[in-house]
Amino acid sequence: MNSTPPSSLLKVVLGKFPASARFYQSLRPDVLPAGSYAMPQLASHMGEWLSVLEGVVPWAPFDSRKRVLIIGNLKWWLEYGVVLGLLLRSGGHQVDIAYLP
């Protein structure tokens, strides 16, 4: 006999509705979704990272500087993307960072 627990069945049914995750998040604002990031955590390190890069002379030759777009989705990729963007910016490249919530 293959029986599905009621909680699993409910998850499957609610997963069919696009707004169900947003509705659940509005009911539980204190719980961060799995894989989410906390912007204050990223912002807390930003001052230190910027102070380290203040004295760096752009290392990329002027004629080879690029415009770069870095896209992050999950917490670790967003943090990695910000750090990578700062390093590229210190080299003289123009960097834009985008994220998918």
PDB file of N, CA and C in Angstrom:
ATOM      1  N   MET A   1       0.847  -1.181   0.000  1.00  0.00           N
ATOM      2  CA  MET A   1       0.000   0.000   0.000  1.00  0.00           C
ATOM      3  C   MET A   1       0.888   1.237   0.000  1.00  0.00           C
ATOM      4  N   ASN A   2       0.633   2.120  -0.891  1.00  0.00           N
ATOM      5  CA  ASN A   2       1.418   3.337  -1.038  1.00  0.00           C
ATOM      6  C   ASN A   2       0.578   4.516  -0.548  1.00  0.00           C
ATOM      7  N   SER A   3       0.778   4.871   0.694  1.00  0.00           N
ATOM      8  CA  SER A   3       0.011   5.992   1.241  1.00  0.00           C
ATOM      9  C   SER A   3       0.930   7.193   1.437  1.00  0.00           C
ATOM     10  N   THR A   4       0.419   8.349   1.101  1.00  0.00           N
ATOM     11  CA  THR A   4       1.171   9.589   1.235  1.00  0.00           C
ATOM     12  C   THR A   4       0.708  10.297   2.500  1.00  0.00           C
ATOM     13  N   PRO A   5       1.661  10.725   3.357  1.00  0.00           N
ATOM     14  CA  PRO A   5       1.250  11.462   4.555  1.00  0.00           C
ATOM     15  C   PRO A   5       0.501  12.737   4.180  1.00  0.00           C
ATOM     16  N   PRO A   6      -0.453  13.153   5.006  1.00  0.00           N
ATOM     17  CA  PRO A   6      -1.234  14.366   4.688  1.00  0.00           C
ATOM     18  C   PRO A   6      -0.368  15.615   4.487  1.00  0.00           C
ATOM     19  N   SER A   7       0.703  15.739   5.259  1.00  0.00           N
ATOM     20  CA  SER A   7       1.546  16.931   5.117  1.00  0.00           C
ATOM     21  C   SER A   7       2.206  16.968   3.737  1.00  0.00           C
ATOM     22  N   SER A   8       2.651  15.824   3.241  1.00  0.00           N
ATOM     23  CA  SER A   8       3.254  15.779   1.906  1.00  0.00           C
ATOM     24  C   SER A   8       2.231  16.093   0.830  1.00  0.00           C
ATOM     25  N   LEU A   9       1.034  15.577   0.992  1.00  0.00           N
ATOM     26  CA  LEU A   9      -0.028  15.850   0.033  1.00  0.00           C
ATOM     27  C   LEU A   9      -0.362  17.340   0.010  1.00  0.00           C
ATOM     28  N   LEU A  10      -0.410  17.952   1.200  1.00  0.00           N
ATOM     29  CA  LEU A  10      -0.689  19.388   1.296  1.00  0.00           C
ATOM     30  C   LEU A  10       0.417  20.203   0.616  1.00  0.00           C
ATOM     31  N   LYS A  11       1.679  19.796   0.802  1.00  0.00           N
ATOM     32  CA  LYS A  11       2.797  20.490   0.153  1.00  0.00           C
ATOM     33  C   LYS A  11       2.703  20.411  -1.359  1.00  0.00           C
ATOM     34  N   VAL A  12       2.315  19.264  -1.862  1.00  0.00           N
ATOM     35  CA  VAL A  12       2.188  19.088  -3.307  1.00  0.00           C
ATOM     36  C   VAL A  12       1.078  19.974  -3.846  1.00  0.00           C
ATOM     37  N   VAL A  13      -0.055  20.003  -3.147  1.00  0.00           N
ATOM     38  CA  VAL A  13      -1.191  20.807  -3.601  1.00  0.00           C
ATOM     39  C   VAL A  13      -0.850  22.292  -3.541  1.00  0.00           C
ATOM     40  N   LEU A  14      -0.265  22.744  -2.428  1.00  0.00           N
ATOM     41  CA  LEU A  14       0.086  24.161  -2.297  1.00  0.00           C
ATOM     42  C   LEU A  14       1.207  24.559  -3.261  1.00  0.00           C
ATOM     43  N   GLY A  15       2.066  23.610  -3.625  1.00  0.00           N
ATOM     44  CA  GLY A  15       3.139  23.896  -4.564  1.00  0.00           C
ATOM     45  C   GLY A  15       2.645  24.238  -5.957  1.00  0.00           C
ATOM     46  N   LYS A  16       1.406  23.902  -6.251  1.00  0.00           N
ATOM     47  CA  LYS A  16       0.822  24.200  -7.558  1.00  0.00           C
ATOM     48  C   LYS A  16       0.433  25.672  -7.699  1.00  0.00           C
ATOM     49  N   PHE A  17       0.305  26.365  -6.579  1.00  0.00           N
ATOM     50  CA  PHE A  17      -0.111  27.770  -6.593  1.00  0.00           C
ATOM     51  C   PHE A  17       1.112  28.669  -6.444  1.00  0.00           C
ATOM     52  N   PRO A  18       1.357  29.560  -7.389  1.00  0.00           N
ATOM     53  CA  PRO A  18       2.570  30.388  -7.358  1.00  0.00           C
ATOM     54  C   PRO A  18       2.677  31.289  -6.135  1.00  0.00           C
ATOM     55  N   ALA A  19       1.575  31.772  -5.606  1.00  0.00           N
ATOM     56  CA  ALA A  19       1.633  32.722  -4.492  1.00  0.00           C
ATOM     57  C   ALA A  19       1.682  32.040  -3.131  1.00  0.00           C
ATOM     58  N   SER A  20       1.699  30.721  -3.085  1.00  0.00           N
ATOM     59  CA  SER A  20       1.646  30.035  -1.790  1.00  0.00           C
ATOM     60  C   SER A  20       2.904  30.305  -0.960  1.00  0.00           C
ATOM     61  N   ALA A  21       4.080  30.369  -1.583  1.00  0.00           N
ATOM     62  CA  ALA A  21       5.310  30.634  -0.832  1.00  0.00           C
ATOM     63  C   ALA A  21       5.295  32.037  -0.241  1.00  0.00           C
ATOM     64  N   ARG A  22       4.829  33.005  -1.017  1.00  0.00           N
ATOM     65  CA  ARG A  22       4.754  34.382  -0.524  1.00  0.00           C
ATOM     66  C   ARG A  22       3.736  34.483   0.616  1.00  0.00           C
ATOM     67  N   PHE A  23       2.620  33.771   0.492  1.00  0.00           N
ATOM     68  CA  PHE A  23       1.610  33.770   1.546  1.00  0.00           C
ATOM     69  C   PHE A  23       2.163  33.150   2.823  1.00  0.00           C
ATOM     70  N   TYR A  24       2.872  32.030   2.697  1.00  0.00           N
ATOM     71  CA  TYR A  24       3.469  31.387   3.861  1.00  0.00           C
ATOM     72  C   TYR A  24       4.492  32.317   4.526  1.00  0.00           C
ATOM     73  N   GLN A  25       5.281  33.009   3.707  1.00  0.00           N
ATOM     74  CA  GLN A  25       6.278  33.922   4.263  1.00  0.00           C
ATOM     75  C   GLN A  25       5.619  35.068   5.017  1.00  0.00           C
ATOM     76  N   SER A  26       4.450  35.528   4.562  1.00  0.00           N
ATOM     77  CA  SER A  26       3.747  36.593   5.274  1.00  0.00           C
ATOM     78  C   SER A  26       3.197  36.110   6.609  1.00  0.00           C
ATOM     79  N   LEU A  27       2.908  34.812   6.712  1.00  0.00           N
ATOM     80  CA  LEU A  27       2.448  34.251   7.985  1.00  0.00           C
ATOM     81  C   LEU A  27       3.594  34.052   8.968  1.00  0.00           C
ATOM     82  N   ARG A  28       4.796  33.791   8.465  1.00  0.00           N
ATOM     83  CA  ARG A  28       5.955  33.515   9.307  1.00  0.00           C
ATOM     84  C   ARG A  28       7.116  34.438   8.931  1.00  0.00           C
ATOM     85  N   PRO A  29       7.020  35.748   9.219  1.00  0.00           N
ATOM     86  CA  PRO A  29       8.081  36.672   8.798  1.00  0.00           C
ATOM     87  C   PRO A  29       9.408  36.448   9.519  1.00  0.00           C
ATOM     88  N   ASP A  30       9.379  35.763  10.667  1.00  0.00           N
ATOM     89  CA  ASP A  30      10.600  35.537  11.427  1.00  0.00           C
ATOM     90  C   ASP A  30      11.446  34.395  10.864  1.00  0.00           C
ATOM     91  N   VAL A  31      10.890  33.581   9.979  1.00  0.00           N
ATOM     92  CA  VAL A  31      11.596  32.433   9.418  1.00  0.00           C
ATOM     93  C   VAL A  31      12.045  32.768   8.000  1.00  0.00           C
ATOM     94  N   LEU A  32      13.350  32.709   7.767  1.00  0.00           N
ATOM     95  CA  LEU A  32      13.878  32.951   6.425  1.00  0.00           C
ATOM     96  C   LEU A  32      13.716  31.691   5.589  1.00  0.00           C
ATOM     97  N   PRO A  33      13.345  31.827   4.340  1.00  0.00           N
ATOM     98  CA  PRO A  33      13.247  30.650   3.472  1.00  0.00           C
ATOM     99  C   PRO A  33      14.596  29.981   3.279  1.00  0.00           C
ATOM    100  N   ALA A  34      14.594  28.699   2.993  1.00  0.00           N
ATOM    101  CA  ALA A  34      15.836  27.973   2.751  1.00  0.00           C
ATOM    102  C   ALA A  34      16.554  28.584   1.559  1.00  0.00           C
ATOM    103  N   GLY A  35      17.847  28.792   1.708  1.00  0.00           N
ATOM    104  CA  GLY A  35      18.627  29.357   0.613  1.00  0.00           C
ATOM    105  C   GLY A  35      18.534  30.865   0.509  1.00  0.00           C
ATOM    106  N   SER A  36      17.834  31.507   1.430  1.00  0.00           N
ATOM    107  CA  SER A  36      17.710  32.963   1.348  1.00  0.00           C
ATOM    108  C   SER A  36      18.942  33.611   1.970  1.00  0.00           C
ATOM    109  N   TYR A  37      19.073  34.869   1.787  1.00  0.00           N
ATOM    110  CA  TYR A  37      20.189  35.602   2.345  1.00  0.00           C
ATOM    111  C   TYR A  37      19.647  36.730   3.205  1.00  0.00           C
ATOM    112  N   ALA A  38      20.459  37.186   4.095  1.00  0.00           N
ATOM    113  CA  ALA A  38      20.097  38.313   4.936  1.00  0.00           C
ATOM    114  C   ALA A  38      20.981  39.486   4.526  1.00  0.00           C
ATOM    115  N   MET A  39      20.380  40.511   3.967  1.00  0.00           N
ATOM    116  CA  MET A  39      21.140  41.660   3.501  1.00  0.00           C
ATOM    117  C   MET A  39      21.934  42.322   4.633  1.00  0.00           C
ATOM    118  N   PRO A  40      21.420  42.390   5.871  1.00  0.00           N
ATOM    119  CA  PRO A  40      22.237  42.977   6.937  1.00  0.00           C
ATOM    120  C   PRO A  40      23.548  42.231   7.166  1.00  0.00           C
ATOM    121  N   GLN A  41      23.550  40.924   6.977  1.00  0.00           N
ATOM    122  CA  GLN A  41      24.786  40.156   7.144  1.00  0.00           C
ATOM    123  C   GLN A  41      25.806  40.563   6.085  1.00  0.00           C
ATOM    124  N   LEU A  42      25.353  40.741   4.870  1.00  0.00           N
ATOM    125  CA  LEU A  42      26.233  41.166   3.786  1.00  0.00           C
ATOM    126  C   LEU A  42      26.712  42.596   4.024  1.00  0.00           C
ATOM    127  N   ALA A  43      25.811  43.455   4.456  1.00  0.00           N
ATOM    128  CA  ALA A  43      26.157  44.857   4.707  1.00  0.00           C
ATOM    129  C   ALA A  43      27.133  45.009   5.870  1.00  0.00           C
ATOM    130  N   SER A  44      27.089  44.081   6.825  1.00  0.00           N
ATOM    131  CA  SER A  44      27.987  44.192   7.981  1.00  0.00           C
ATOM    132  C   SER A  44      29.451  44.015   7.575  1.00  0.00           C
ATOM    133  N   HIS A  45      29.716  43.271   6.519  1.00  0.00           N
ATOM    134  CA  HIS A  45      31.092  43.061   6.055  1.00  0.00           C
ATOM    135  C   HIS A  45      31.533  44.085   5.022  1.00  0.00           C
ATOM    136  N   MET A  46      30.586  44.788   4.424  1.00  0.00           N
ATOM    137  CA  MET A  46      30.895  45.670   3.312  1.00  0.00           C
ATOM    138  C   MET A  46      31.888  46.769   3.692  1.00  0.00           C
ATOM    139  N   GLY A  47      31.750  47.370   4.862  1.00  0.00           N
ATOM    140  CA  GLY A  47      32.664  48.439   5.280  1.00  0.00           C
ATOM    141  C   GLY A  47      34.104  47.966   5.357  1.00  0.00           C
ATOM    142  N   GLU A  48      34.308  46.775   5.899  1.00  0.00           N
ATOM    143  CA  GLU A  48      35.654  46.216   6.008  1.00  0.00           C
ATOM    144  C   GLU A  48      36.228  45.925   4.622  1.00  0.00           C
ATOM    145  N   TRP A  49      35.421  45.349   3.747  1.00  0.00           N
ATOM    146  CA  TRP A  49      35.885  45.030   2.398  1.00  0.00           C
ATOM    147  C   TRP A  49      36.253  46.297   1.638  1.00  0.00           C
ATOM    148  N   LEU A  50      35.432  47.326   1.764  1.00  0.00           N
ATOM    149  CA  LEU A  50      35.714  48.577   1.052  1.00  0.00           C
ATOM    150  C   LEU A  50      36.975  49.254   1.582  1.00  0.00           C
ATOM    151  N   SER A  51      37.191  49.189   2.896  1.00  0.00           N
ATOM    152  CA  SER A  51      38.384  49.818   3.465  1.00  0.00           C
ATOM    153  C   SER A  51      39.657  49.115   2.993  1.00  0.00           C
ATOM    154  N   VAL A  52      39.587  47.807   2.788  1.00  0.00           N
ATOM    155  CA  VAL A  52      40.749  47.073   2.288  1.00  0.00           C
ATOM    156  C   VAL A  52      41.069  47.480   0.852  1.00  0.00           C
ATOM    157  N   LEU A  53      40.025  47.732   0.057  1.00  0.00           N
ATOM    158  CA  LEU A  53      40.228  48.026  -1.360  1.00  0.00           C
ATOM    159  C   LEU A  53      40.458  49.501  -1.668  1.00  0.00           C
ATOM    160  N   GLU A  54      40.396  50.378  -0.656  1.00  0.00           N
ATOM    161  CA  GLU A  54      40.546  51.818  -0.901  1.00  0.00           C
ATOM    162  C   GLU A  54      41.899  52.176  -1.506  1.00  0.00           C
ATOM    163  N   GLY A  55      42.945  51.560  -1.030  1.00  0.00           N
ATOM    164  CA  GLY A  55      44.285  51.929  -1.482  1.00  0.00           C
ATOM    165  C   GLY A  55      44.769  51.185  -2.710  1.00  0.00           C
ATOM    166  N   VAL A  56      43.930  50.362  -3.302  1.00  0.00           N
ATOM    167  CA  VAL A  56      44.357  49.556  -4.450  1.00  0.00           C
ATOM    168  C   VAL A  56      44.362  50.408  -5.713  1.00  0.00           C
ATOM    169  N   VAL A  57      45.455  50.352  -6.436  1.00  0.00           N
ATOM    170  CA  VAL A  57      45.571  51.052  -7.720  1.00  0.00           C
ATOM    171  C   VAL A  57      44.981  50.136  -8.792  1.00  0.00           C
ATOM    172  N   PRO A  58      44.116  50.657  -9.681  1.00  0.00           N
ATOM    173  CA  PRO A  58      43.545  49.800 -10.730  1.00  0.00           C
ATOM    174  C   PRO A  58      44.629  49.050 -11.504  1.00  0.00           C
ATOM    175  N   TRP A  59      44.499  47.746 -11.577  1.00  0.00           N
ATOM    176  CA  TRP A  59      45.529  46.912 -12.167  1.00  0.00           C
ATOM    177  C   TRP A  59      45.255  46.564 -13.630  1.00  0.00           C
ATOM    178  N   ALA A  60      44.034  46.760 -14.097  1.00  0.00           N
ATOM    179  CA  ALA A  60      43.733  46.451 -15.505  1.00  0.00           C
ATOM    180  C   ALA A  60      44.106  47.639 -16.382  1.00  0.00           C
ATOM    181  N   PRO A  61      44.783  47.382 -17.496  1.00  0.00           N
ATOM    182  CA  PRO A  61      45.096  48.481 -18.417  1.00  0.00           C
ATOM    183  C   PRO A  61      43.808  49.161 -18.883  1.00  0.00           C
ATOM    184  N   PHE A  62      43.877  50.456 -19.111  1.00  0.00           N
ATOM    185  CA  PHE A  62      42.687  51.236 -19.428  1.00  0.00           C
ATOM    186  C   PHE A  62      41.951  50.709 -20.653  1.00  0.00           C
ATOM    187  N   ASP A  63      42.667  50.315 -21.664  1.00  0.00           N
ATOM    188  CA  ASP A  63      42.027  49.867 -22.903  1.00  0.00           C
ATOM    189  C   ASP A  63      41.419  48.465 -22.809  1.00  0.00           C
ATOM    190  N   SER A  64      41.707  47.724 -21.745  1.00  0.00           N
ATOM    191  CA  SER A  64      41.146  46.374 -21.612  1.00  0.00           C
ATOM    192  C   SER A  64      40.101  46.263 -20.501  1.00  0.00           C
ATOM    193  N   ARG A  65      39.677  47.394 -19.958  1.00  0.00           N
ATOM    194  CA  ARG A  65      38.662  47.353 -18.907  1.00  0.00           C
ATOM    195  C   ARG A  65      37.303  47.017 -19.504  1.00  0.00           C
ATOM    196  N   LYS A  66      36.533  46.243 -18.786  1.00  0.00           N
ATOM    197  CA  LYS A  66      35.255  45.733 -19.278  1.00  0.00           C
ATOM    198  C   LYS A  66      34.105  46.179 -18.388  1.00  0.00           C
ATOM    199  N   ARG A  67      32.900  46.064 -18.939  1.00  0.00           N
ATOM    200  CA  ARG A  67      31.673  46.254 -18.161  1.00  0.00           C
ATOM    201  C   ARG A  67      31.161  44.859 -17.847  1.00  0.00           C
ATOM    202  N   VAL A  68      30.936  44.570 -16.569  1.00  0.00           N
ATOM    203  CA  VAL A  68      30.623  43.223 -16.113  1.00  0.00           C
ATOM    204  C   VAL A  68      29.302  43.228 -15.355  1.00  0.00           C
ATOM    205  N   LEU A  69      28.486  42.209 -15.597  1.00  0.00           N
ATOM    206  CA  LEU A  69      27.256  41.997 -14.838  1.00  0.00           C
ATOM    207  C   LEU A  69      27.391  40.683 -14.097  1.00  0.00           C
ATOM    208  N   ILE A  70      27.235  40.735 -12.781  1.00  0.00           N
ATOM    209  CA  ILE A  70      27.297  39.532 -11.942  1.00  0.00           C
ATOM    210  C   ILE A  70      25.909  39.311 -11.373  1.00  0.00           C
ATOM    211  N   ILE A  71      25.394  38.092 -11.564  1.00  0.00           N
ATOM    212  CA  ILE A  71      24.050  37.752 -11.080  1.00  0.00           C
ATOM    213  C   ILE A  71      24.176  36.688  -9.998  1.00  0.00           C
ATOM    214  N   GLY A  72      23.517  36.923  -8.867  1.00  0.00           N
ATOM    215  CA  GLY A  72      23.505  35.951  -7.777  1.00  0.00           C
ATOM    216  C   GLY A  72      22.087  35.558  -7.426  1.00  0.00           C
ATOM    217  N   ASN A  73      21.929  34.340  -6.961  1.00  0.00           N
ATOM    218  CA  ASN A  73      20.609  33.848  -6.592  1.00  0.00           C
ATOM    219  C   ASN A  73      20.609  33.349  -5.158  1.00  0.00           C
ATOM    220  N   LEU A  74      21.415  32.379  -4.857  1.00  0.00           N
ATOM    221  CA  LEU A  74      21.472  31.837  -3.510  1.00  0.00           C
ATOM    222  C   LEU A  74      22.429  32.655  -2.652  1.00  0.00           C
ATOM    223  N   LYS A  75      22.320  32.469  -1.344  1.00  0.00           N
ATOM    224  CA  LYS A  75      23.083  33.274  -0.400  1.00  0.00           C
ATOM    225  C   LYS A  75      24.580  33.254  -0.692  1.00  0.00           C
ATOM    226  N   TRP A  76      25.153  32.091  -0.843  1.00  0.00           N
ATOM    227  CA  TRP A  76      26.603  32.011  -1.036  1.00  0.00           C
ATOM    228  C   TRP A  76      27.020  32.563  -2.387  1.00  0.00           C
ATOM    229  N   TRP A  77      26.174  32.437  -3.409  1.00  0.00           N
ATOM    230  CA  TRP A  77      26.518  32.999  -4.710  1.00  0.00           C
ATOM    231  C   TRP A  77      26.414  34.515  -4.698  1.00  0.00           C
ATOM    232  N   LEU A  78      25.457  35.040  -3.943  1.00  0.00           N
ATOM    233  CA  LEU A  78      25.338  36.493  -3.856  1.00  0.00           C
ATOM    234  C   LEU A  78      26.546  37.077  -3.132  1.00  0.00           C
ATOM    235  N   GLU A  79      26.930  36.465  -2.026  1.00  0.00           N
ATOM    236  CA  GLU A  79      28.104  36.945  -1.290  1.00  0.00           C
ATOM    237  C   GLU A  79      29.362  36.820  -2.155  1.00  0.00           C
ATOM    238  N   TYR A  80      29.512  35.709  -2.837  1.00  0.00           N
ATOM    239  CA  TYR A  80      30.657  35.517  -3.723  1.00  0.00           C
ATOM    240  C   TYR A  80      30.640  36.550  -4.847  1.00  0.00           C
ATOM    241  N   GLY A  81      29.456  36.808  -5.401  1.00  0.00           N
ATOM    242  CA  GLY A  81      29.333  37.780  -6.475  1.00  0.00           C
ATOM    243  C   GLY A  81      29.699  39.184  -6.037  1.00  0.00           C
ATOM    244  N   VAL A  82      29.320  39.558  -4.825  1.00  0.00           N
ATOM    245  CA  VAL A  82      29.668  40.890  -4.304  1.00  0.00           C
ATOM    246  C   VAL A  82      31.174  41.011  -4.123  1.00  0.00           C
ATOM    247  N   VAL A  83      31.795  39.991  -3.554  1.00  0.00           N
ATOM    248  CA  VAL A  83      33.246  40.031  -3.354  1.00  0.00           C
ATOM    249  C   VAL A  83      33.969  40.038  -4.695  1.00  0.00           C
ATOM    250  N   LEU A  84      33.518  39.214  -5.628  1.00  0.00           N
ATOM    251  CA  LEU A  84      34.116  39.202  -6.962  1.00  0.00           C
ATOM    252  C   LEU A  84      33.940  40.558  -7.647  1.00  0.00           C
ATOM    253  N   GLY A  85      32.763  41.159  -7.489  1.00  0.00           N
ATOM    254  CA  GLY A  85      32.512  42.478  -8.064  1.00  0.00           C
ATOM    255  C   GLY A  85      33.422  43.540  -7.479  1.00  0.00           C
ATOM    256  N   LEU A  86      33.658  43.472  -6.176  1.00  0.00           N
ATOM    257  CA  LEU A  86      34.572  44.428  -5.545  1.00  0.00           C
ATOM    258  C   LEU A  86      35.993  44.266  -6.072  1.00  0.00           C
ATOM    259  N   LEU A  87      36.407  43.029  -6.243  1.00  0.00           N
ATOM    260  CA  LEU A  87      37.758  42.797  -6.769  1.00  0.00           C
ATOM    261  C   LEU A  87      37.890  43.299  -8.208  1.00  0.00           C
ATOM    262  N   LEU A  88      36.878  43.013  -9.018  1.00  0.00           N
ATOM    263  CA  LEU A  88      36.924  43.505 -10.398  1.00  0.00           C
ATOM    264  C   LEU A  88      36.866  45.026 -10.443  1.00  0.00           C
ATOM    265  N   ARG A  89      36.072  45.619  -9.557  1.00  0.00           N
ATOM    266  CA  ARG A  89      35.972  47.086  -9.500  1.00  0.00           C
ATOM    267  C   ARG A  89      37.308  47.694  -9.082  1.00  0.00           C
ATOM    268  N   SER A  90      38.011  47.016  -8.173  1.00  0.00           N
ATOM    269  CA  SER A  90      39.319  47.536  -7.765  1.00  0.00           C
ATOM    270  C   SER A  90      40.306  47.502  -8.922  1.00  0.00           C
ATOM    271  N   GLY A  91      40.059  46.631  -9.901  1.00  0.00           N
ATOM    272  CA  GLY A  91      40.918  46.579 -11.074  1.00  0.00           C
ATOM    273  C   GLY A  91      40.583  47.626 -12.106  1.00  0.00           C
ATOM    274  N   GLY A  92      39.481  48.330 -11.935  1.00  0.00           N
ATOM    275  CA  GLY A  92      39.113  49.380 -12.863  1.00  0.00           C
ATOM    276  C   GLY A  92      37.933  49.038 -13.746  1.00  0.00           C
ATOM    277  N   HIS A  93      37.403  47.820 -13.633  1.00  0.00           N
ATOM    278  CA  HIS A  93      36.255  47.425 -14.449  1.00  0.00           C
ATOM    279  C   HIS A  93      34.973  48.055 -13.901  1.00  0.00           C
ATOM    280  N   GLN A  94      33.988  48.232 -14.773  1.00  0.00           N
ATOM    281  CA  GLN A  94      32.687  48.741 -14.337  1.00  0.00           C
ATOM    282  C   GLN A  94      31.815  47.525 -14.032  1.00  0.00           C
ATOM    283  N   VAL A  95      31.334  47.418 -12.785  1.00  0.00           N
ATOM    284  CA  VAL A  95      30.636  46.219 -12.335  1.00  0.00           C
ATOM    285  C   VAL A  95      29.221  46.566 -11.891  1.00  0.00           C
ATOM    286  N   ASP A  96      28.264  45.767 -12.361  1.00  0.00           N
ATOM    287  CA  ASP A  96      26.878  45.828 -11.889  1.00  0.00           C
ATOM    288  C   ASP A  96      26.559  44.487 -11.261  1.00  0.00           C
ATOM    289  N   ILE A  97      25.819  44.522 -10.157  1.00  0.00           N
ATOM    290  CA  ILE A  97      25.432  43.294  -9.469  1.00  0.00           C
ATOM    291  C   ILE A  97      23.929  43.208  -9.459  1.00  0.00           C
ATOM    292  N   ALA A  98      23.419  42.049  -9.866  1.00  0.00           N
ATOM    293  CA  ALA A  98      21.975  41.796  -9.857  1.00  0.00           C
ATOM    294  C   ALA A  98      21.724  40.560  -9.020  1.00  0.00           C
ATOM    295  N   TYR A  99      20.528  40.480  -8.430  1.00  0.00           N
ATOM    296  CA  TYR A  99      20.213  39.277  -7.657  1.00  0.00           C
ATOM    297  C   TYR A  99      18.758  38.896  -7.914  1.00  0.00           C
ATOM    298  N   LEU A 100      18.490  37.639  -7.726  1.00  0.00           N
ATOM    299  CA  LEU A 100      17.148  37.107  -7.852  1.00  0.00           C
ATOM    300  C   LEU A 100      16.671  36.718  -6.463  1.00  0.00           C
ATOM    301  N   PRO A 101      15.647  37.382  -5.945  1.00  0.00           N
ATOM    302  CA  PRO A 101      15.191  37.055  -4.591  1.00  0.00           C
ATOM    303  C   PRO A 101      14.540  35.680  -4.519  1.00  0.00           C
TER     304      PRO A 101
END
